[in-house]
Protein backbone atom coordinates (compact mmCIF):
# COMPACT_ATOMS: atom_id res chain seq x y z
CA MET A 1 -15.96 49.85 10.56
CA ALA A 2 -12.17 49.41 10.55
CA GLU A 3 -10.68 46.07 9.44
CA PHE A 4 -9.04 45.50 12.82
CA LYS A 5 -9.12 46.67 16.43
CA ILE A 6 -6.05 48.23 18.02
CA VAL A 7 -5.20 47.26 21.60
CA THR A 8 -2.40 48.62 23.76
CA ASP A 9 -1.62 48.60 27.48
CA SER A 10 -1.10 51.23 30.14
CA LEU A 11 2.65 51.19 29.60
CA SER A 12 1.80 53.44 26.63
CA ASP A 13 0.77 56.36 28.89
CA LEU A 14 -1.83 57.49 26.36
CA PRO A 15 -4.58 59.67 27.88
CA GLU A 16 -8.16 58.45 28.07
CA SER A 17 -9.19 61.22 25.67
CA TYR A 18 -6.83 59.85 22.97
CA LEU A 19 -7.99 56.26 23.46
CA LYS A 20 -11.65 57.23 23.14
CA GLU A 21 -11.11 59.55 20.17
CA HIS A 22 -9.20 56.95 18.20
CA ASP A 23 -11.09 53.83 19.35
CA VAL A 24 -8.10 52.14 20.97
CA GLU A 25 -8.56 49.53 23.70
CA CYS A 26 -6.16 49.69 26.65
CA MET A 27 -5.34 46.92 29.10
CA VAL A 28 -4.48 48.34 32.51
CA LEU A 29 -1.59 46.98 34.59
CA THR A 30 -1.97 46.92 38.37
CA CYS A 31 -0.32 49.34 40.79
CA LEU A 32 -0.26 48.66 44.54
CA ILE A 33 0.14 51.66 46.90
CA ASP A 34 -0.18 51.56 50.69
CA GLY A 35 -2.06 48.29 50.50
CA VAL A 36 -4.57 49.57 47.92
CA GLU A 37 -4.72 48.01 44.48
CA TYR A 38 -5.33 50.31 41.54
CA ASN A 39 -6.38 48.85 38.21
CA LYS A 40 -8.97 49.28 35.42
CA ASP A 41 -11.81 49.13 37.97
CA ASN A 42 -10.16 51.34 40.60
CA LYS A 43 -8.08 54.03 38.93
CA ILE A 44 -5.98 56.63 40.68
CA GLY A 45 -5.54 60.17 39.38
CA ASP A 46 -2.08 61.12 38.19
CA LYS A 47 -1.76 64.05 40.56
CA GLU A 48 -2.92 61.96 43.53
CA PHE A 49 -0.44 59.23 42.60
CA TYR A 50 2.56 61.55 42.58
CA ASP A 51 1.43 63.24 45.79
CA LYS A 52 1.58 59.80 47.43
CA ILE A 53 5.12 59.25 46.15
CA ARG A 54 6.17 62.66 47.49
CA ALA A 55 4.72 61.58 50.84
CA GLY A 56 6.98 58.53 50.85
CA ALA A 57 4.86 55.81 49.26
CA LEU A 58 6.78 53.04 47.48
CA PRO A 59 4.36 51.59 44.93
CA THR A 60 4.79 48.23 43.23
CA THR A 61 3.32 47.01 39.95
CA SER A 62 2.25 43.76 38.35
CA GLN A 63 1.90 42.85 34.71
CA ILE A 64 -1.19 41.80 32.80
CA ASN A 65 -1.52 38.01 32.96
CA PRO A 66 -2.66 35.80 30.04
CA ALA A 67 -6.17 35.38 31.46
CA GLN A 68 -6.67 39.14 31.61
CA ALA A 69 -5.36 39.60 28.08
CA LYS A 70 -7.61 36.83 26.78
CA GLU A 71 -10.59 38.43 28.51
CA THR A 72 -9.85 41.63 26.58
CA PHE A 73 -9.64 39.74 23.27
CA GLU A 74 -12.95 37.97 24.04
CA LYS A 75 -14.65 41.31 24.63
CA ILE A 76 -13.39 42.69 21.34
CA TYR A 77 -14.40 39.48 19.51
CA LYS A 78 -18.03 40.63 19.69
CA ASP A 79 -17.24 43.19 16.99
CA TYR A 80 -13.90 42.23 15.44
CA THR A 81 -12.15 39.12 14.19
CA ARG A 82 -8.83 40.93 13.69
CA ILE A 83 -6.95 42.34 16.70
CA LEU A 84 -3.60 44.17 16.71
CA TYR A 85 -2.05 44.36 20.15
CA ILE A 86 0.87 46.81 20.56
CA GLY A 87 2.45 46.10 23.92
CA GLY A 88 4.95 47.86 26.15
CA SER A 89 8.54 46.65 25.78
CA SER A 90 9.36 43.08 26.74
CA GLY A 91 12.57 44.58 28.09
CA ILE A 92 10.71 46.18 30.99
CA SER A 93 7.55 44.06 31.46
CA GLY A 94 6.24 40.58 30.80
CA THR A 95 2.86 41.92 29.72
CA VAL A 96 3.51 41.55 26.00
CA GLN A 97 4.46 37.90 26.52
CA SER A 98 1.17 37.38 28.36
CA GLY A 99 -0.50 38.90 25.31
CA ASN A 100 1.30 36.42 23.08
CA ASN A 101 0.22 33.48 25.20
CA ALA A 102 -3.36 34.69 25.33
CA ALA A 103 -3.40 35.33 21.56
CA ARG A 104 -2.36 31.78 20.71
CA GLU A 105 -4.97 30.26 23.06
CA PHE A 106 -7.64 32.64 21.77
CA GLU A 107 -6.91 31.73 18.13
CA GLU A 108 -7.12 28.02 18.94
CA GLU A 109 -10.58 28.57 20.38
CA HIS A 110 -11.61 30.95 17.57
CA PRO A 111 -9.88 29.75 14.35
CA GLU A 112 -11.66 32.41 12.33
CA CYS A 113 -9.84 35.12 14.31
CA LYS A 114 -6.36 36.57 14.05
CA VAL A 115 -4.48 38.30 16.83
CA ILE A 116 -1.13 39.85 15.98
CA VAL A 117 1.12 40.97 18.84
CA VAL A 118 3.75 43.65 18.29
CA ASP A 119 6.42 43.91 20.96
CA SER A 120 7.01 47.64 20.64
CA LEU A 121 10.37 47.57 22.48
CA CYS A 122 9.21 51.02 23.58
CA ALA A 123 8.13 52.63 26.83
CA SER A 124 5.67 55.34 27.85
CA LEU A 125 4.67 57.59 24.96
CA GLY A 126 7.22 55.76 22.78
CA VAL A 127 4.59 53.01 22.75
CA GLY A 128 2.02 55.75 22.31
CA LEU A 129 3.82 57.04 19.24
CA LEU A 130 3.82 53.57 17.69
CA VAL A 131 0.09 53.23 18.51
CA ASP A 132 -0.45 56.57 16.80
CA PHE A 133 1.16 55.23 13.63
CA ALA A 134 -1.06 52.13 13.88
CA VAL A 135 -4.12 54.39 14.07
CA LYS A 136 -2.96 56.17 10.92
CA LEU A 137 -2.43 52.88 9.08
CA ARG A 138 -5.83 51.56 10.20
CA ASP A 139 -7.57 54.75 9.11
CA GLU A 140 -5.84 54.53 5.72
CA GLY A 141 -7.48 51.15 5.24
CA LYS A 142 -4.45 48.93 5.69
CA ASN A 143 -5.12 45.33 6.59
CA ILE A 144 -3.80 43.94 9.86
CA GLU A 145 -0.86 42.06 8.32
CA ASP A 146 0.42 45.07 6.41
CA ALA A 147 -0.04 47.36 9.41
CA ALA A 148 1.85 44.98 11.72
CA ARG A 149 4.67 44.67 9.18
CA GLU A 150 5.06 48.45 8.96
CA LEU A 151 5.09 48.80 12.74
CA GLU A 152 7.76 46.14 13.09
CA ASN A 153 9.90 48.03 10.59
CA LEU A 154 9.31 51.36 12.32
CA LYS A 155 9.64 50.54 16.01
CA GLY A 156 13.44 50.66 16.00
CA ASN A 157 13.27 54.28 14.80
CA ILE A 158 11.35 55.60 17.78
CA GLY A 159 13.76 57.57 19.92
CA HIS A 160 13.39 57.67 23.71
CA LEU A 161 15.34 60.23 25.73
CA PHE A 162 14.60 61.09 29.32
CA THR A 163 15.99 62.56 32.44
CA VAL A 164 15.12 61.74 36.04
CA ASP A 165 15.75 63.58 39.30
CA ASP A 166 17.43 60.46 40.64
CA LEU A 167 17.56 56.73 39.91
CA PHE A 168 16.29 55.46 43.25
CA HIS A 169 12.96 54.17 41.98
CA LEU A 170 14.43 52.64 38.81
CA CYS A 171 17.05 50.86 40.89
CA ARG A 172 14.51 49.69 43.43
CA GLY A 173 12.47 48.07 40.67
CA GLY A 174 15.52 46.48 39.07
CA ARG A 175 15.28 48.60 35.92
CA VAL A 176 18.84 49.93 36.29
CA SER A 177 21.86 48.65 38.18
CA LYS A 178 22.91 49.84 41.64
CA SER A 179 26.13 51.19 40.17
CA ALA A 180 24.19 53.33 37.72
CA ALA A 181 21.98 54.55 40.54
CA VAL A 182 24.98 56.07 42.28
CA VAL A 183 24.86 58.82 39.64
CA GLY A 184 21.43 59.84 40.86
CA SER A 185 22.58 60.18 44.43
CA VAL A 186 25.06 62.96 43.69
CA VAL A 187 23.58 66.35 44.50
CA GLY A 188 23.01 68.40 41.37
CA ILE A 189 23.86 65.56 38.97
CA LYS A 190 20.94 64.56 36.74
CA PRO A 191 21.00 61.20 34.94
CA LEU A 192 20.16 60.91 31.23
CA LEU A 193 18.69 57.66 29.93
CA HIS A 194 17.21 56.08 26.85
CA VAL A 195 15.53 52.85 25.76
CA ASP A 196 17.90 50.73 23.69
CA ASP A 197 17.27 48.43 20.71
CA GLU A 198 16.37 45.59 23.11
CA GLY A 199 13.73 47.75 24.79
CA LYS A 200 15.70 48.12 28.01
CA LEU A 201 16.38 51.25 30.06
CA VAL A 202 19.99 52.31 29.79
CA ASN A 203 21.83 55.10 31.59
CA ILE A 204 23.69 57.02 28.87
CA GLY A 205 25.01 60.13 30.58
CA LYS A 206 24.69 62.78 33.21
CA CYS A 207 24.86 66.52 33.56
CA ARG A 208 24.77 69.11 36.31
CA GLY A 209 21.55 70.95 36.99
CA ARG A 210 17.94 70.52 36.01
CA LYS A 211 17.82 73.02 33.15
CA LYS A 212 20.95 71.56 31.58
CA SER A 213 19.44 68.07 31.78
CA LEU A 214 16.34 69.25 29.93
CA THR A 215 18.28 71.00 27.17
CA SER A 216 20.53 67.92 26.93
CA LEU A 217 17.49 65.88 25.85
CA VAL A 218 17.13 68.15 22.82
CA ASP A 219 20.89 68.14 22.22
CA MET A 220 20.85 64.34 22.08
CA MET A 221 17.78 64.40 19.86
CA GLU A 222 19.74 66.53 17.37
CA GLN A 223 22.64 64.07 17.50
CA ARG A 224 20.41 61.09 16.74
CA ILE A 225 17.58 62.34 14.54
CA GLY A 226 19.49 62.03 11.27
CA THR A 227 17.36 62.06 8.11
CA TYR A 228 14.16 62.38 10.15
CA LYS A 229 15.15 66.01 10.78
CA GLU A 230 13.67 66.73 7.35
CA VAL A 231 10.40 64.98 8.18
CA ASP A 232 7.49 66.98 9.60
CA GLN A 233 6.99 64.51 12.39
CA LYS A 234 5.00 64.21 15.57
CA VAL A 235 6.74 64.62 18.91
CA PHE A 236 5.33 63.27 22.18
CA ILE A 237 6.52 64.22 25.69
CA SER A 238 5.59 62.57 28.97
CA HIS A 239 6.35 63.75 32.51
CA SER A 240 5.96 62.69 36.11
CA ASP A 241 4.17 65.72 37.54
CA CYS A 242 6.48 68.41 36.15
CA LEU A 243 4.43 69.93 33.36
CA GLU A 244 6.37 73.17 33.10
CA ASP A 245 9.57 71.24 32.49
CA ALA A 246 7.81 69.23 29.78
CA LYS A 247 6.63 72.49 28.18
CA PHE A 248 10.17 73.86 28.32
CA VAL A 249 11.43 70.83 26.37
CA ALA A 250 8.59 71.20 23.86
CA ASN A 251 9.55 74.80 23.28
CA GLU A 252 13.23 73.85 22.84
CA VAL A 253 12.24 71.20 20.25
CA HIS A 254 10.16 73.80 18.36
CA GLU A 255 12.96 76.35 18.44
CA ARG A 256 15.54 73.81 17.26
CA PHE A 257 13.58 71.82 14.67
CA GLY A 258 10.28 73.58 14.06
CA PHE A 259 8.36 70.50 15.23
CA GLU A 260 5.17 71.02 17.21
CA THR A 261 4.73 68.67 20.16
CA GLN A 262 1.44 66.88 19.45
CA LEU A 263 0.94 65.37 22.90
CA ILE A 264 2.17 66.12 26.40
CA ASN A 265 0.85 63.76 29.07
CA TYR A 266 1.57 62.34 32.50
CA ILE A 267 3.70 59.28 32.94
CA GLY A 268 1.07 56.98 34.39
CA PRO A 269 1.21 55.12 37.73
CA VAL A 270 2.74 51.95 36.28
CA ILE A 271 5.85 53.53 34.78
CA GLY A 272 5.77 56.33 37.36
CA SER A 273 6.22 53.73 40.10
CA HIS A 274 9.64 53.06 38.63
CA THR A 275 10.70 56.60 37.71
CA GLY A 276 9.46 58.65 40.66
CA VAL A 277 8.64 62.36 40.47
CA GLY A 278 10.46 64.74 38.15
CA THR A 279 10.98 62.64 35.00
CA VAL A 280 10.69 64.21 31.55
CA ALA A 281 10.72 61.94 28.50
CA LEU A 282 11.01 62.92 24.83
CA PHE A 283 9.85 60.72 21.94
CA PHE A 284 10.44 61.23 18.23
CA LEU A 285 11.44 59.50 15.00
CA THR A 286 15.16 58.97 14.62
CA ASP A 287 17.65 57.12 12.43
CA LYS A 288 18.93 55.29 15.52
CA ARG A 289 17.88 55.02 19.12
């Protein structure tokens, strides 16, 4: 058995198949749509979720609270005394802080246990990419302290680039300013965003037309990737119900760098509540975000 258990949350947008294959626990944030609460016990399919948004639903979300995080740690304690929690960015959710609070209380009650919390400062499959590195470190036999140290050193090198059809949902949830959202209201203008070093969503540009916005993601990747261009690295792509666009970006990445995209997956309901339909996000290792 591995020396420690890896935990993440649903801000990572990792598919169930990945979590099961790699023995990763996932805490599920809550999404409220049309008066119905969706969580770990009542999940909504990705396609159904985006169909509801297209029909005009305006979902809201709530973070994991300390009691829920502690409950997860207690469940894992049956088999592990070492827990590594890699949480979605503190710049977009308070969930990782709940994990910190729960970890300290849990350790006080179980002094023989250690819970290390890594604030990924990442979003969507950017968190997923960091989790994937944690899986590799765990499987190589690293102890929890060394693994956490390597993740802390690496997290600033995970590039996030994404484009959205408009910024309405991000503005509604307070993730971007109203002035930035004006960009998304202009017909034919597609915003380009990234996650900065503080783990916050930042509007960094715009371009005209959908295809141009998708190729611009790869253009910006080339500008930022630096020395990691020579590394045979994994690339992850997430999307909000626009698979063909995600595949287009994956092909552009392969043509430009020779990298194979290892994972393409839906942006889940929690992040999707704030991005709306039509988002494509690209994640990779880079010299700078």
